[in-house]
Amino acid sequence: MQPVHQSKVSPATTLSMEQLCRETAAQRYNTREQSIAVTGMVQFQASYEMRGLTPREERFVCAFDPDGQFLHLSMR
């Protein structure tokens, strides 16, 4: 897949996506939400990926559909 640079979700939706990603990662990694670092977001033709790190340097990716609905969390 090739990244697409034009954003289709609103800034408010992007913030909601980041919050949900942090909450989900904190629960999965058994840590505080405030300690989760979201490091970036990439848009593809049919999805978004939000990448991050835990305090223990564990990497993860939250996937969202084109409308910003959460799909899953992947450990990397």
Protein backbone atom coordinates (compact mmCIF):
# COMPACT_ATOMS: atom_id res chain seq x y z
CA MET A 1 0.00 0.00 0.00
CA GLN A 2 1.12 3.51 -0.74
CA PRO A 3 0.60 6.24 1.85
CA VAL A 4 -1.84 8.98 0.88
CA HIS A 5 -1.05 12.43 2.22
CA GLN A 6 -4.49 14.06 2.13
CA SER A 7 -6.41 13.67 5.39
CA LYS A 8 -10.12 12.80 5.29
CA VAL A 9 -10.89 12.83 9.01
CA SER A 10 -11.36 16.02 10.99
CA PRO A 11 -8.88 17.18 13.63
CA ALA A 12 -11.46 16.32 16.32
CA THR A 13 -11.75 12.78 14.95
CA THR A 14 -7.96 12.48 14.89
CA LEU A 15 -7.83 13.45 18.57
CA SER A 16 -10.52 10.88 19.37
CA MET A 17 -8.56 8.24 17.46
CA GLU A 18 -5.41 9.09 19.43
CA GLN A 19 -7.29 8.91 22.74
CA LEU A 20 -8.80 5.52 21.89
CA CYS A 21 -5.40 4.24 20.75
CA ARG A 22 -3.81 5.36 24.04
CA GLU A 23 -6.61 3.78 26.11
CA THR A 24 -6.45 0.49 24.23
CA ALA A 25 -2.64 0.29 24.36
CA ALA A 26 -2.58 1.15 28.08
CA GLN A 27 -5.05 -1.63 28.80
CA ARG A 28 -3.19 -4.15 26.60
CA TYR A 29 0.22 -3.33 28.08
CA ASN A 30 -1.07 -2.91 31.65
CA THR A 31 0.26 0.62 32.06
CA ARG A 32 -1.04 4.14 32.59
CA GLU A 33 -2.60 5.90 29.62
CA GLN A 34 -0.43 8.98 30.25
CA SER A 35 2.73 6.91 29.78
CA ILE A 36 1.79 5.82 26.25
CA ALA A 37 3.52 7.82 23.50
CA VAL A 38 1.74 8.11 20.15
CA THR A 39 4.54 8.78 17.68
CA GLY A 40 2.76 9.26 14.38
CA MET A 41 -0.15 8.60 12.07
CA VAL A 42 -0.10 7.36 8.48
CA GLN A 43 -3.05 7.38 6.10
CA PHE A 44 -3.46 4.67 3.48
CA GLN A 45 -6.16 4.41 0.81
CA ALA A 46 -8.52 2.41 3.01
CA SER A 47 -7.20 2.83 6.54
CA TYR A 48 -5.16 4.79 9.06
CA GLU A 49 -2.36 3.56 11.29
CA MET A 50 -1.39 5.29 14.51
CA ARG A 51 1.97 4.16 15.89
CA GLY A 52 3.27 4.37 19.41
CA LEU A 53 5.54 3.22 22.22
CA THR A 54 5.06 2.04 25.78
CA PRO A 55 7.33 3.11 28.67
CA ARG A 56 9.19 -0.19 28.15
CA GLU A 57 9.91 0.74 24.49
CA GLU A 58 7.36 -1.80 23.18
CA ARG A 59 6.02 -0.71 19.79
CA PHE A 60 2.38 -0.97 18.72
CA VAL A 61 0.09 0.11 15.89
CA CYS A 62 -3.58 1.03 16.16
CA ALA A 63 -5.53 0.53 12.92
CA PHE A 64 -8.60 2.54 11.97
CA ASP A 65 -10.98 2.41 9.01
CA PRO A 66 -11.35 5.36 6.56
CA ASP A 67 -13.97 6.97 8.83
CA GLY A 68 -11.73 6.80 11.90
CA GLN A 69 -13.42 3.80 13.53
CA PHE A 70 -11.06 1.61 15.57
CA LEU A 71 -10.22 -1.77 13.99
CA HIS A 72 -7.46 -3.36 16.08
CA LEU A 73 -4.22 -2.96 18.00
CA SER A 74 -1.13 -4.81 16.75
CA MET A 75 1.99 -5.39 18.80
CA ARG A 76 5.16 -4.81 16.78
